[in-house]
C-alpha atoms as a PDB file:
ATOM      1  CA  UNK A   1     -18.886  12.133  28.649  1.00  0.00           C
ATOM      2  CA  UNK A   2     -20.100  10.774  25.317  1.00  0.00           C
ATOM      3  CA  UNK A   3     -17.513  10.383  22.593  1.00  0.00           C
ATOM      4  CA  UNK A   4     -17.579  13.145  19.995  1.00  0.00           C
ATOM      5  CA  UNK A   5     -18.318  11.747  16.549  1.00  0.00           C
ATOM      6  CA  UNK A   6     -17.993  12.952  12.990  1.00  0.00           C
ATOM      7  CA  UNK A   7     -21.777  13.419  12.946  1.00  0.00           C
ATOM      8  CA  UNK A   8     -21.436  15.910  15.830  1.00  0.00           C
ATOM      9  CA  UNK A   9     -18.845  17.901  13.902  1.00  0.00           C
ATOM     10  CA  UNK A  10     -21.026  17.900  10.776  1.00  0.00           C
ATOM     11  CA  UNK A  11     -24.076  19.161  12.698  1.00  0.00           C
ATOM     12  CA  UNK A  12     -22.147  21.998  14.362  1.00  0.00           C
ATOM     13  CA  UNK A  13     -20.461  23.029  11.102  1.00  0.00           C
ATOM     14  CA  UNK A  14     -23.671  22.723   9.085  1.00  0.00           C
ATOM     15  CA  UNK A  15     -22.153  20.289   6.589  1.00  0.00           C
ATOM     16  CA  UNK A  16     -22.370  16.633   5.686  1.00  0.00           C
ATOM     17  CA  UNK A  17     -20.137  13.987   7.293  1.00  0.00           C
ATOM     18  CA  UNK A  18     -18.551  13.494   3.856  1.00  0.00           C
ATOM     19  CA  UNK A  19     -17.339  17.118   3.856  1.00  0.00           C
ATOM     20  CA  UNK A  20     -15.902  16.624   7.366  1.00  0.00           C
ATOM     21  CA  UNK A  21     -14.052  13.580   6.028  1.00  0.00           C
ATOM     22  CA  UNK A  22     -12.666  15.582   3.089  1.00  0.00           C
ATOM     23  CA  UNK A  23     -11.323  18.216   5.480  1.00  0.00           C
ATOM     24  CA  UNK A  24      -9.770  15.684   7.863  1.00  0.00           C
ATOM     25  CA  UNK A  25      -8.164  13.668   5.062  1.00  0.00           C
ATOM     26  CA  UNK A  26      -7.358  16.660   2.855  1.00  0.00           C
ATOM     27  CA  UNK A  27      -9.383  15.113   0.023  1.00  0.00           C
ATOM     28  CA  UNK A  28     -10.214  13.364  -2.174  1.00  0.00           C
ATOM     29  CA  UNK A  29     -12.610  16.205  -3.056  1.00  0.00           C
ATOM     30  CA  UNK A  30     -11.871  19.921  -2.583  1.00  0.00           C
ATOM     31  CA  UNK A  31     -13.672  21.910   0.116  1.00  0.00           C
ATOM     32  CA  UNK A  32     -14.412  25.643  -0.115  1.00  0.00           C
ATOM     33  CA  UNK A  33     -12.175  27.694   2.225  1.00  0.00           C
ATOM     34  CA  UNK A  34     -15.093  29.084   4.245  1.00  0.00           C
ATOM     35  CA  UNK A  35     -16.569  25.612   4.732  1.00  0.00           C
ATOM     36  CA  UNK A  36     -13.186  24.213   5.695  1.00  0.00           C
ATOM     37  CA  UNK A  37     -12.809  26.917   8.350  1.00  0.00           C
ATOM     38  CA  UNK A  38     -16.251  26.068   9.798  1.00  0.00           C
ATOM     39  CA  UNK A  39     -15.339  22.387   9.994  1.00  0.00           C
ATOM     40  CA  UNK A  40     -11.973  23.098  11.623  1.00  0.00           C
ATOM     41  CA  UNK A  41     -13.626  25.440  14.132  1.00  0.00           C
ATOM     42  CA  UNK A  42     -16.199  22.750  14.998  1.00  0.00           C
ATOM     43  CA  UNK A  43     -13.436  20.150  15.434  1.00  0.00           C
ATOM     44  CA  UNK A  44     -11.598  22.472  17.803  1.00  0.00           C
ATOM     45  CA  UNK A  45     -14.710  23.438  19.786  1.00  0.00           C
ATOM     46  CA  UNK A  46     -15.851  19.840  20.237  1.00  0.00           C
ATOM     47  CA  UNK A  47     -12.378  18.408  20.770  1.00  0.00           C
ATOM     48  CA  UNK A  48     -12.956  15.826  18.067  1.00  0.00           C
ATOM     49  CA  UNK A  49     -10.182  13.287  17.426  1.00  0.00           C
ATOM     50  CA  UNK A  50     -10.421  11.072  14.320  1.00  0.00           C
ATOM     51  CA  UNK A  51     -10.423   7.320  14.941  1.00  0.00           C
ATOM     52  CA  UNK A  52      -7.396   6.340  12.889  1.00  0.00           C
ATOM     53  CA  UNK A  53      -7.929   2.630  13.483  1.00  0.00           C
ATOM     54  CA  UNK A  54     -11.466   2.808  12.098  1.00  0.00           C
ATOM     55  CA  UNK A  55     -10.229   4.862   9.149  1.00  0.00           C
ATOM     56  CA  UNK A  56      -7.568   2.258   8.411  1.00  0.00           C
ATOM     57  CA  UNK A  57     -10.101  -0.570   8.557  1.00  0.00           C
ATOM     58  CA  UNK A  58     -12.424   1.284   6.198  1.00  0.00           C
ATOM     59  CA  UNK A  59      -9.754   2.267   3.688  1.00  0.00           C
ATOM     60  CA  UNK A  60      -7.496  -0.765   4.248  1.00  0.00           C
ATOM     61  CA  UNK A  61      -4.613   1.707   4.556  1.00  0.00           C
ATOM     62  CA  UNK A  62      -3.140   3.670   7.475  1.00  0.00           C
ATOM     63  CA  UNK A  63      -1.273   6.971   7.605  1.00  0.00           C
ATOM     64  CA  UNK A  64       1.926   4.971   8.079  1.00  0.00           C
ATOM     65  CA  UNK A  65       4.877   4.297   5.794  1.00  0.00           C
ATOM     66  CA  UNK A  66       7.177   1.398   6.609  1.00  0.00           C
ATOM     67  CA  UNK A  67      10.923   1.987   6.286  1.00  0.00           C
ATOM     68  CA  UNK A  68      13.384  -0.891   6.586  1.00  0.00           C
ATOM     69  CA  UNK A  69      17.067   0.003   6.873  1.00  0.00           C
ATOM     70  CA  UNK A  70      20.121  -2.275   7.307  1.00  0.00           C
ATOM     71  CA  UNK A  71      21.434  -0.543  10.447  1.00  0.00           C
ATOM     72  CA  UNK A  72      20.162   2.794  11.795  1.00  0.00           C
ATOM     73  CA  UNK A  73      23.254   3.070  14.004  1.00  0.00           C
ATOM     74  CA  UNK A  74      25.283   3.912  10.903  1.00  0.00           C
ATOM     75  CA  UNK A  75      25.171   7.674  10.295  1.00  0.00           C
ATOM     76  CA  UNK A  76      24.271   7.416   6.609  1.00  0.00           C
ATOM     77  CA  UNK A  77      21.172   5.325   7.260  1.00  0.00           C
ATOM     78  CA  UNK A  78      20.222   7.450  10.273  1.00  0.00           C
ATOM     79  CA  UNK A  79      20.377  10.629   8.174  1.00  0.00           C
ATOM     80  CA  UNK A  80      18.499   8.964   5.323  1.00  0.00           C
ATOM     81  CA  UNK A  81      15.775   7.745   7.695  1.00  0.00           C
ATOM     82  CA  UNK A  82      15.414  11.253   9.117  1.00  0.00           C
ATOM     83  CA  UNK A  83      15.052  12.679   5.602  1.00  0.00           C
ATOM     84  CA  UNK A  84      12.350  10.101   4.793  1.00  0.00           C
ATOM     85  CA  UNK A  85      10.514  10.953   8.015  1.00  0.00           C
ATOM     86  CA  UNK A  86      10.536  14.663   7.147  1.00  0.00           C
ATOM     87  CA  UNK A  87       9.307  14.002   3.618  1.00  0.00           C
ATOM     88  CA  UNK A  88       6.554  11.705   4.910  1.00  0.00           C
ATOM     89  CA  UNK A  89       5.440  14.322   7.462  1.00  0.00           C
ATOM     90  CA  UNK A  90       5.037  16.811   4.615  1.00  0.00           C
ATOM     91  CA  UNK A  91       2.586  14.335   3.056  1.00  0.00           C
ATOM     92  CA  UNK A  92       0.708  13.810   6.333  1.00  0.00           C
ATOM     93  CA  UNK A  93       2.247  10.402   7.000  1.00  0.00           C
ATOM     94  CA  UNK A  94       4.241   8.856   9.830  1.00  0.00           C
ATOM     95  CA  UNK A  95       7.130   6.406   9.481  1.00  0.00           C
ATOM     96  CA  UNK A  96       7.724   3.058  11.166  1.00  0.00           C
ATOM     97  CA  UNK A  97      11.407   2.068  11.097  1.00  0.00           C
ATOM     98  CA  UNK A  98      12.814  -1.442  11.328  1.00  0.00           C
ATOM     99  CA  UNK A  99      16.468  -2.556  11.279  1.00  0.00           C
ATOM    100  CA  UNK A 100      17.209  -5.658   9.230  1.00  0.00           C
ATOM    101  CA  UNK A 101      20.838  -5.910  10.468  1.00  0.00           C
ATOM    102  CA  UNK A 102      21.642  -7.120   6.926  1.00  0.00           C
ATOM    103  CA  UNK A 103      19.728 -10.349   7.670  1.00  0.00           C
ATOM    104  CA  UNK A 104      17.088 -11.706   5.275  1.00  0.00           C
ATOM    105  CA  UNK A 105      14.977 -13.171   8.077  1.00  0.00           C
ATOM    106  CA  UNK A 106      14.855  -9.819   9.890  1.00  0.00           C
ATOM    107  CA  UNK A 107      13.902  -8.059   6.682  1.00  0.00           C
ATOM    108  CA  UNK A 108      11.079 -10.539   6.071  1.00  0.00           C
ATOM    109  CA  UNK A 109       9.968 -10.142   9.702  1.00  0.00           C
ATOM    110  CA  UNK A 110       9.565  -6.382   9.310  1.00  0.00           C
ATOM    111  CA  UNK A 111       7.979  -6.708   5.889  1.00  0.00           C
ATOM    112  CA  UNK A 112       5.342  -9.042   7.284  1.00  0.00           C
ATOM    113  CA  UNK A 113       4.780  -6.879  10.378  1.00  0.00           C
ATOM    114  CA  UNK A 114       4.499  -3.559   8.530  1.00  0.00           C
ATOM    115  CA  UNK A 115       2.322  -4.938   5.755  1.00  0.00           C
ATOM    116  CA  UNK A 116       0.080  -6.514   8.383  1.00  0.00           C
ATOM    117  CA  UNK A 117      -0.376  -3.041   9.848  1.00  0.00           C
ATOM    118  CA  UNK A 118      -1.752  -1.905   6.473  1.00  0.00           C
ATOM    119  CA  UNK A 119       0.931   0.704   5.890  1.00  0.00           C
ATOM    120  CA  UNK A 120       0.347   3.006   2.920  1.00  0.00           C
ATOM    121  CA  UNK A 121       3.541   1.682   1.390  1.00  0.00           C
ATOM    122  CA  UNK A 122       7.071   0.505   2.097  1.00  0.00           C
ATOM    123  CA  UNK A 123      10.462   2.062   1.476  1.00  0.00           C
ATOM    124  CA  UNK A 124      13.069  -0.662   1.482  1.00  0.00           C
ATOM    125  CA  UNK A 125      16.822  -0.198   1.841  1.00  0.00           C
ATOM    126  CA  UNK A 126      17.860  -3.759   1.203  1.00  0.00           C
ATOM    127  CA  UNK A 127      20.674  -6.004   0.049  1.00  0.00           C
ATOM    128  CA  UNK A 128      18.102  -8.049  -1.865  1.00  0.00           C
ATOM    129  CA  UNK A 129      15.297  -8.232  -1.515  1.00  0.00           C
ATOM    130  CA  UNK A 130      15.507 -12.013  -1.113  1.00  0.00           C
ATOM    131  CA  UNK A 131      13.080 -14.417  -2.749  1.00  0.00           C
ATOM    132  CA  UNK A 132      11.247 -14.715   0.587  1.00  0.00           C
ATOM    133  CA  UNK A 133      10.933 -10.940   0.848  1.00  0.00           C
ATOM    134  CA  UNK A 134       9.742 -10.650  -2.756  1.00  0.00           C
ATOM    135  CA  UNK A 135       7.128 -13.354  -2.134  1.00  0.00           C
ATOM    136  CA  UNK A 136       5.894 -11.501   0.951  1.00  0.00           C
ATOM    137  CA  UNK A 137       5.551  -8.283  -1.038  1.00  0.00           C
ATOM    138  CA  UNK A 138       3.667 -10.034  -3.850  1.00  0.00           C
ATOM    139  CA  UNK A 139       1.337 -11.753  -1.385  1.00  0.00           C
ATOM    140  CA  UNK A 140       0.226  -8.415   0.063  1.00  0.00           C
ATOM    141  CA  UNK A 141       0.211  -6.595  -3.308  1.00  0.00           C
ATOM    142  CA  UNK A 142       2.118  -3.795  -1.583  1.00  0.00           C
ATOM    143  CA  UNK A 143       3.574  -0.599  -2.996  1.00  0.00           C
ATOM    144  CA  UNK A 144       7.310  -0.855  -2.383  1.00  0.00           C
ATOM    145  CA  UNK A 145      10.085   1.540  -3.364  1.00  0.00           C
ATOM    146  CA  UNK A 146      13.727   0.519  -3.259  1.00  0.00           C
ATOM    147  CA  UNK A 147      15.945   3.286  -1.934  1.00  0.00           C
ATOM    148  CA  UNK A 148      19.728   3.417  -2.289  1.00  0.00           C
ATOM    149  CA  UNK A 149      19.872   0.195  -4.340  1.00  0.00           C
ATOM    150  CA  UNK A 150      19.555  -0.423  -8.065  1.00  0.00           C
ATOM    151  CA  UNK A 151      16.668  -2.769  -8.960  1.00  0.00           C
ATOM    152  CA  UNK A 152      17.226  -6.126 -10.610  1.00  0.00           C
ATOM    153  CA  UNK A 153      13.800  -6.303 -12.252  1.00  0.00           C
ATOM    154  CA  UNK A 154      12.463  -3.735 -14.687  1.00  0.00           C
ATOM    155  CA  UNK A 155       9.199  -3.522 -12.739  1.00  0.00           C
ATOM    156  CA  UNK A 156      10.922  -2.437  -9.518  1.00  0.00           C
ATOM    157  CA  UNK A 157      10.375   1.138  -8.406  1.00  0.00           C
ATOM    158  CA  UNK A 158      13.555   2.701  -7.076  1.00  0.00           C
ATOM    159  CA  UNK A 159      15.356   5.896  -6.112  1.00  0.00           C
ATOM    160  CA  UNK A 160      19.104   5.577  -6.564  1.00  0.00           C
ATOM    161  CA  UNK A 161      22.320   7.557  -6.701  1.00  0.00           C
ATOM    162  CA  UNK A 162      24.888   7.447  -9.488  1.00  0.00           C
ATOM    163  CA  UNK A 163      27.166   5.373  -7.266  1.00  0.00           C
ATOM    164  CA  UNK A 164      29.475   4.201 -10.044  1.00  0.00           C
ATOM    165  CA  UNK A 165      29.962   7.746 -11.342  1.00  0.00           C
ATOM    166  CA  UNK A 166      30.566   9.094  -7.845  1.00  0.00           C
ATOM    167  CA  UNK A 167      33.259   6.515  -7.120  1.00  0.00           C
ATOM    168  CA  UNK A 168      34.916   7.218 -10.460  1.00  0.00           C
ATOM    169  CA  UNK A 169      34.931  10.908  -9.626  1.00  0.00           C
ATOM    170  CA  UNK A 170      36.601  10.579  -6.241  1.00  0.00           C
ATOM    171  CA  UNK A 171      39.149   8.018  -7.500  1.00  0.00           C
ATOM    172  CA  UNK A 172      40.141  10.327 -10.369  1.00  0.00           C
ATOM    173  CA  UNK A 173      40.570  13.116  -7.826  1.00  0.00           C
ATOM    174  CA  UNK A 174      43.028  11.052  -5.792  1.00  0.00           C
ATOM    175  CA  UNK A 175      44.930  10.056  -8.931  1.00  0.00           C
ATOM    176  CA  UNK A 176      45.190  13.727  -9.901  1.00  0.00           C
ATOM    177  CA  UNK A 177      47.098  14.285  -6.656  1.00  0.00           C
ATOM    178  CA  UNK A 178      49.899  12.226  -8.211  1.00  0.00           C
ATOM    179  CA  UNK A 179      49.375   8.882  -6.493  1.00  0.00           C
ATOM    180  CA  UNK A 180      50.700   6.000  -8.564  1.00  0.00           C
ATOM    181  CA  UNK A 181      48.021   3.689  -7.222  1.00  0.00           C
ATOM    182  CA  UNK A 182      44.795   4.188  -5.305  1.00  0.00           C
ATOM    183  CA  UNK A 183      43.631   1.305  -3.117  1.00  0.00           C
ATOM    184  CA  UNK A 184      39.983   0.616  -2.372  1.00  0.00           C
ATOM    185  CA  UNK A 185      38.266  -0.501   0.815  1.00  0.00           C
ATOM    186  CA  UNK A 186      35.182  -2.351  -0.391  1.00  0.00           C
ATOM    187  CA  UNK A 187      32.586  -4.514   1.301  1.00  0.00           C
ATOM    188  CA  UNK A 188      32.590  -8.060   2.657  1.00  0.00           C
ATOM    189  CA  UNK A 189      32.226 -11.507   1.094  1.00  0.00           C
ATOM    190  CA  UNK A 190      28.438 -11.405   1.445  1.00  0.00           C
ATOM    191  CA  UNK A 191      28.076  -8.076  -0.379  1.00  0.00           C
ATOM    192  CA  UNK A 192      25.799  -8.747  -3.387  1.00  0.00           C
ATOM    193  CA  UNK A 193      27.534  -8.840  -6.760  1.00  0.00           C
ATOM    194  CA  UNK A 194      24.875  -6.665  -8.422  1.00  0.00           C
ATOM    195  CA  UNK A 195      22.919  -3.561  -7.496  1.00  0.00           C
ATOM    196  CA  UNK A 196      24.415  -2.927  -4.074  1.00  0.00           C
ATOM    197  CA  UNK A 197      25.861   0.601  -3.689  1.00  0.00           C
ATOM    198  CA  UNK A 198      29.131  -0.689  -2.207  1.00  0.00           C
ATOM    199  CA  UNK A 199      29.567  -3.011  -5.195  1.00  0.00           C
ATOM    200  CA  UNK A 200      28.966  -0.014  -7.456  1.00  0.00           C
ATOM    201  CA  UNK A 201      31.546   2.028  -5.541  1.00  0.00           C
ATOM    202  CA  UNK A 202      34.116  -0.697  -6.162  1.00  0.00           C
ATOM    203  CA  UNK A 203      33.131  -0.807  -9.833  1.00  0.00           C
ATOM    204  CA  UNK A 204      33.542   2.966 -10.130  1.00  0.00           C
ATOM    205  CA  UNK A 205      37.000   2.706  -8.587  1.00  0.00           C
ATOM    206  CA  UNK A 206      37.945  -0.042 -11.040  1.00  0.00           C
ATOM    207  CA  UNK A 207      36.763   2.019 -14.021  1.00  0.00           C
ATOM    208  CA  UNK A 208      38.711   5.086 -12.946  1.00  0.00           C
ATOM    209  CA  UNK A 209      41.864   3.019 -12.459  1.00  0.00           C
ATOM    210  CA  UNK A 210      41.459   1.377 -15.883  1.00  0.00           C
ATOM    211  CA  UNK A 211      40.901   4.760 -17.523  1.00  0.00           C
ATOM    212  CA  UNK A 212      44.186   5.930 -15.996  1.00  0.00           C
ATOM    213  CA  UNK A 213      46.000   2.791 -17.162  1.00  0.00           C
ATOM    214  CA  UNK A 214      46.574   1.594 -13.604  1.00  0.00           C
ATOM    215  CA  UNK A 215      46.320  -1.949 -12.316  1.00  0.00           C
ATOM    216  CA  UNK A 216      43.923  -2.813  -9.482  1.00  0.00           C
ATOM    217  CA  UNK A 217      45.575  -6.109  -8.629  1.00  0.00           C
ATOM    218  CA  UNK A 218      46.178  -6.450  -4.905  1.00  0.00           C
ATOM    219  CA  UNK A 219      44.613  -3.053  -4.172  1.00  0.00           C
ATOM    220  CA  UNK A 220      41.070  -4.090  -3.195  1.00  0.00           C
ATOM    221  CA  UNK A 221      40.569  -4.858   0.491  1.00  0.00           C
ATOM    222  CA  UNK A 222      37.516  -6.098   2.355  1.00  0.00           C
ATOM    223  CA  UNK A 223      36.066  -4.394   5.410  1.00  0.00           C
ATOM    224  CA  UNK A 224      32.707  -4.277   7.206  1.00  0.00           C
ATOM    225  CA  UNK A 225      30.645  -1.147   6.633  1.00  0.00           C
ATOM    226  CA  UNK A 226      30.969   0.249  10.152  1.00  0.00           C
ATOM    227  CA  UNK A 227      33.845   2.285  11.576  1.00  0.00           C
ATOM    228  CA  UNK A 228      34.545   0.023  14.548  1.00  0.00           C
ATOM    229  CA  UNK A 229      35.328  -3.153  12.616  1.00  0.00           C
ATOM    230  CA  UNK A 230      37.015  -1.168   9.836  1.00  0.00           C
ATOM    231  CA  UNK A 231      39.298   0.436  12.438  1.00  0.00           C
ATOM    232  CA  UNK A 232      40.643  -3.032  13.301  1.00  0.00           C
ATOM    233  CA  UNK A 233      41.071  -3.915   9.617  1.00  0.00           C
ATOM    234  CA  UNK A 234      42.876  -0.627   9.006  1.00  0.00           C
ATOM    235  CA  UNK A 235      45.313  -1.232  11.862  1.00  0.00           C
ATOM    236  CA  UNK A 236      46.601  -4.261   9.975  1.00  0.00           C
ATOM    237  CA  UNK A 237      46.501  -2.644   6.555  1.00  0.00           C
ATOM    238  CA  UNK A 238      48.298   0.557   7.553  1.00  0.00           C
ATOM    239  CA  UNK A 239      50.956  -1.127   9.659  1.00  0.00           C
ATOM    240  CA  UNK A 240      51.970  -3.572   6.909  1.00  0.00           C
ATOM    241  CA  UNK A 241      54.856  -3.196   4.451  1.00  0.00           C
ATOM    242  CA  UNK A 242      52.569  -2.546   1.477  1.00  0.00           C
ATOM    243  CA  UNK A 243      50.645   0.375   2.945  1.00  0.00           C
ATOM    244  CA  UNK A 244      48.983   2.322   0.119  1.00  0.00           C
ATOM    245  CA  UNK A 245      49.549   6.046  -0.313  1.00  0.00           C
ATOM    246  CA  UNK A 246      45.898   6.678  -1.187  1.00  0.00           C
ATOM    247  CA  UNK A 247      42.720   4.893  -0.149  1.00  0.00           C
ATOM    248  CA  UNK A 248      39.129   5.361  -1.311  1.00  0.00           C
ATOM    249  CA  UNK A 249      36.566   3.880   1.085  1.00  0.00           C
ATOM    250  CA  UNK A 250      33.149   2.602   0.046  1.00  0.00           C
ATOM    251  CA  UNK A 251      31.513   4.437   2.972  1.00  0.00           C
ATOM    252  CA  UNK A 252      32.309   7.403   5.185  1.00  0.00           C
ATOM    253  CA  UNK A 253      31.941   5.190   8.244  1.00  0.00           C
ATOM    254  CA  UNK A 254      34.780   3.021   6.944  1.00  0.00           C
ATOM    255  CA  UNK A 255      36.867   6.116   6.256  1.00  0.00           C
ATOM    256  CA  UNK A 256      36.323   7.366   9.821  1.00  0.00           C
ATOM    257  CA  UNK A 257      37.641   4.022  11.098  1.00  0.00           C
ATOM    258  CA  UNK A 258      40.675   4.376   8.818  1.00  0.00           C
ATOM    259  CA  UNK A 259      41.399   7.900  10.090  1.00  0.00           C
ATOM    260  CA  UNK A 260      41.271   6.659  13.693  1.00  0.00           C
ATOM    261  CA  UNK A 261      43.682   3.818  12.921  1.00  0.00           C
ATOM    262  CA  UNK A 262      46.058   6.163  11.059  1.00  0.00           C
ATOM    263  CA  UNK A 263      46.173   8.538  14.024  1.00  0.00           C
ATOM    264  CA  UNK A 264      46.903   5.682  16.423  1.00  0.00           C
ATOM    265  CA  UNK A 265      49.730   4.384  14.196  1.00  0.00           C
ATOM    266  CA  UNK A 266      51.211   7.845  13.619  1.00  0.00           C
ATOM    267  CA  UNK A 267      50.463   7.792   9.880  1.00  0.00           C
ATOM    268  CA  UNK A 268      50.057  11.376   8.682  1.00  0.00           C
ATOM    269  CA  UNK A 269      46.865  12.089   6.726  1.00  0.00           C
ATOM    270  CA  UNK A 270      47.141  13.366   4.028  1.00  0.00           C
ATOM    271  CA  UNK A 271      50.967  13.592   4.044  1.00  0.00           C
ATOM    272  CA  UNK A 272      51.568   9.828   4.059  1.00  0.00           C
ATOM    273  CA  UNK A 273      48.072   8.601   3.304  1.00  0.00           C
ATOM    274  CA  UNK A 274      45.290  10.301   1.330  1.00  0.00           C
ATOM    275  CA  UNK A 275      41.831   9.130   2.368  1.00  0.00           C
ATOM    276  CA  UNK A 276      38.412   9.627   0.756  1.00  0.00           C
ATOM    277  CA  UNK A 277      34.978   8.295   1.647  1.00  0.00           C
ATOM    278  CA  UNK A 278      31.501   8.061   0.187  1.00  0.00           C
ATOM    279  CA  UNK A 279      28.164   9.397   1.557  1.00  0.00           C
ATOM    280  CA  UNK A 280      29.062  12.829   3.026  1.00  0.00           C
ATOM    281  CA  UNK A 281      27.564  12.148   6.449  1.00  0.00           C
ATOM    282  CA  UNK A 282      27.569  15.170   8.740  1.00  0.00           C
ATOM    283  CA  UNK A 283      30.542  13.842  10.706  1.00  0.00           C
ATOM    284  CA  UNK A 284      32.690  13.908   7.570  1.00  0.00           C
ATOM    285  CA  UNK A 285      33.220  17.642   8.013  1.00  0.00           C
ATOM    286  CA  UNK A 286      34.304  17.203  11.641  1.00  0.00           C
ATOM    287  CA  UNK A 287      36.946  14.478  11.317  1.00  0.00           C
ATOM    288  CA  UNK A 288      40.646  15.330  11.680  1.00  0.00           C
ATOM    289  CA  UNK A 289      41.456  16.112   8.953  1.00  0.00           C
ATOM    290  CA  UNK A 290      38.018  16.788   7.440  1.00  0.00           C
ATOM    291  CA  UNK A 291      37.077  14.016   5.035  1.00  0.00           C
ATOM    292  CA  UNK A 292      36.921  14.329   1.262  1.00  0.00           C
ATOM    293  CA  UNK A 293      33.907  12.332   0.133  1.00  0.00           C
ATOM    294  CA  UNK A 294      31.043  11.905  -2.343  1.00  0.00           C
ATOM    295  CA  UNK A 295      27.753  13.576  -1.496  1.00  0.00           C
ATOM    296  CA  UNK A 296      24.155  13.535  -2.687  1.00  0.00           C
ATOM    297  CA  UNK A 297      20.912  15.405  -2.175  1.00  0.00           C
ATOM    298  CA  UNK A 298      19.457  13.013   0.403  1.00  0.00           C
ATOM    299  CA  UNK A 299      16.439  15.223   1.085  1.00  0.00           C
ATOM    300  CA  UNK A 300      15.452  15.193  -2.598  1.00  0.00           C
ATOM    301  CA  UNK A 301      15.965  11.430  -2.795  1.00  0.00           C
ATOM    302  CA  UNK A 302      13.797  10.911   0.291  1.00  0.00           C
ATOM    303  CA  UNK A 303      11.039  13.103  -1.152  1.00  0.00           C
ATOM    304  CA  UNK A 304      11.150  11.155  -4.400  1.00  0.00           C
ATOM    305  CA  UNK A 305      10.887   7.832  -2.528  1.00  0.00           C
ATOM    306  CA  UNK A 306       7.920   9.029  -0.459  1.00  0.00           C
ATOM    307  CA  UNK A 307       6.186  10.441  -3.538  1.00  0.00           C
ATOM    308  CA  UNK A 308       6.673   7.176  -5.421  1.00  0.00           C
ATOM    309  CA  UNK A 309       5.406   5.018  -2.573  1.00  0.00           C
ATOM    310  CA  UNK A 310       2.250   7.144  -2.196  1.00  0.00           C
ATOM    311  CA  UNK A 311       1.435   7.637  -5.879  1.00  0.00           C
ATOM    312  CA  UNK A 312      -0.837   4.723  -6.746  1.00  0.00           C
ATOM    313  CA  UNK A 313      -0.344   4.675 -10.503  1.00  0.00           C
ATOM    314  CA  UNK A 314       3.409   4.385 -10.691  1.00  0.00           C
ATOM    315  CA  UNK A 315       3.619   0.582 -10.526  1.00  0.00           C
ATOM    316  CA  UNK A 316       1.113   0.144 -13.340  1.00  0.00           C
ATOM    317  CA  UNK A 317       1.466   3.124 -15.637  1.00  0.00           C
ATOM    318  CA  UNK A 318       4.901   4.568 -14.845  1.00  0.00           C
ATOM    319  CA  UNK A 319       7.587   4.306 -17.509  1.00  0.00           C
ATOM    320  CA  UNK A 320      11.057   2.946 -16.745  1.00  0.00           C
ATOM    321  CA  UNK A 321      12.316   6.525 -16.500  1.00  0.00           C
ATOM    322  CA  UNK A 322       9.585   7.404 -13.992  1.00  0.00           C
ATOM    323  CA  UNK A 323      10.024   4.234 -11.965  1.00  0.00           C
ATOM    324  CA  UNK A 324      13.781   4.448 -11.472  1.00  0.00           C
ATOM    325  CA  UNK A 325      14.904   7.912 -10.495  1.00  0.00           C
ATOM    326  CA  UNK A 326      18.658   8.374 -10.446  1.00  0.00           C
ATOM    327  CA  UNK A 327      20.226  11.333  -8.692  1.00  0.00           C
ATOM    328  CA  UNK A 328      23.699  12.711  -9.467  1.00  0.00           C
ATOM    329  CA  UNK A 329      26.643  12.355  -7.088  1.00  0.00           C
ATOM    330  CA  UNK A 330      28.950  15.254  -6.276  1.00  0.00           C
ATOM    331  CA  UNK A 331      32.531  15.501  -5.046  1.00  0.00           C
ATOM    332  CA  UNK A 332      32.929  17.190  -1.653  1.00  0.00           C
ATOM    333  CA  UNK A 333      36.570  18.259  -1.320  1.00  0.00           C
ATOM    334  CA  UNK A 334      38.108  18.646   2.127  1.00  0.00           C
ATOM    335  CA  UNK A 335      41.634  18.145   3.486  1.00  0.00           C
ATOM    336  CA  UNK A 336      41.984  14.361   3.861  1.00  0.00           C
ATOM    337  CA  UNK A 337      42.862  14.001   0.153  1.00  0.00           C
ATOM    338  CA  UNK A 338      45.624  16.614   0.260  1.00  0.00           C
ATOM    339  CA  UNK A 339      43.604  19.635  -0.829  1.00  0.00           C
ATOM    340  CA  UNK A 340      43.561  22.847   1.173  1.00  0.00           C
ATOM    341  CA  UNK A 341      39.754  23.066   1.221  1.00  0.00           C
END
């Protein structure tokens, strides 16, 4: 059987091939409703399937968006990736996901691979990007949106959360429970000193402690971002003589590891130890006790990132306000802090 072509659809619908293209691609020119219905009926009758590879070669762009995350096994990044996928689907795009594992070479590998596939744009959740990654982006003249990380350069396009303000908010909440000091579980030695959300969470904690006239000396501890390694760190921290009475964690995954260690050691939460996290992953409401944390509108942030990566003019004509979109953080009160909620 001969392959059905766009010319066949146009003949059956009584239109030009250009009109068929406008219907298939939903633009760039409008099509009258009656004509659109004729084209769609012809496509269905003939069983026509657009050649996406040929379309990509002609337009030098595919219907794909590249998304690079540090580690999709972590609930926060998994939920964020799902939100991006949903937002992209609403725009008629599909998402390719790559895990950098917090490694520059892996990030560059996926950048090169996705850009070589002529993706419509890239959404990058990165610790950098590194100089190598930036050079790769410049070489391809790609549209890239940073998500979840503040940009270093004024020309960067980014969607971010008020991470500093969120951390201040949750630290103040723990102090209001009457704790003399609130300790902080931050990142690791390789956590970037600027722009990284975990660094901002630590900064927010510091600001809240300073505002309250409290010292932070000896109260900042390092831990990996995942619950499994944090669990081992917490076993040592909570079994020592200087166990804090309140602990704010830079991520919910860390907080979940802390809760597991506390249960194993017989440390009552929140009676002997108040715990709070950051991210409001879905599991946070199911921990024992349910976790007080900092939340955000991830769906809205994902939509903003997809819109920015697909809107051609933003890199050239967008103002600073339009390029960097900051979303507010909100306190989600549950029982791990000592509240009844």
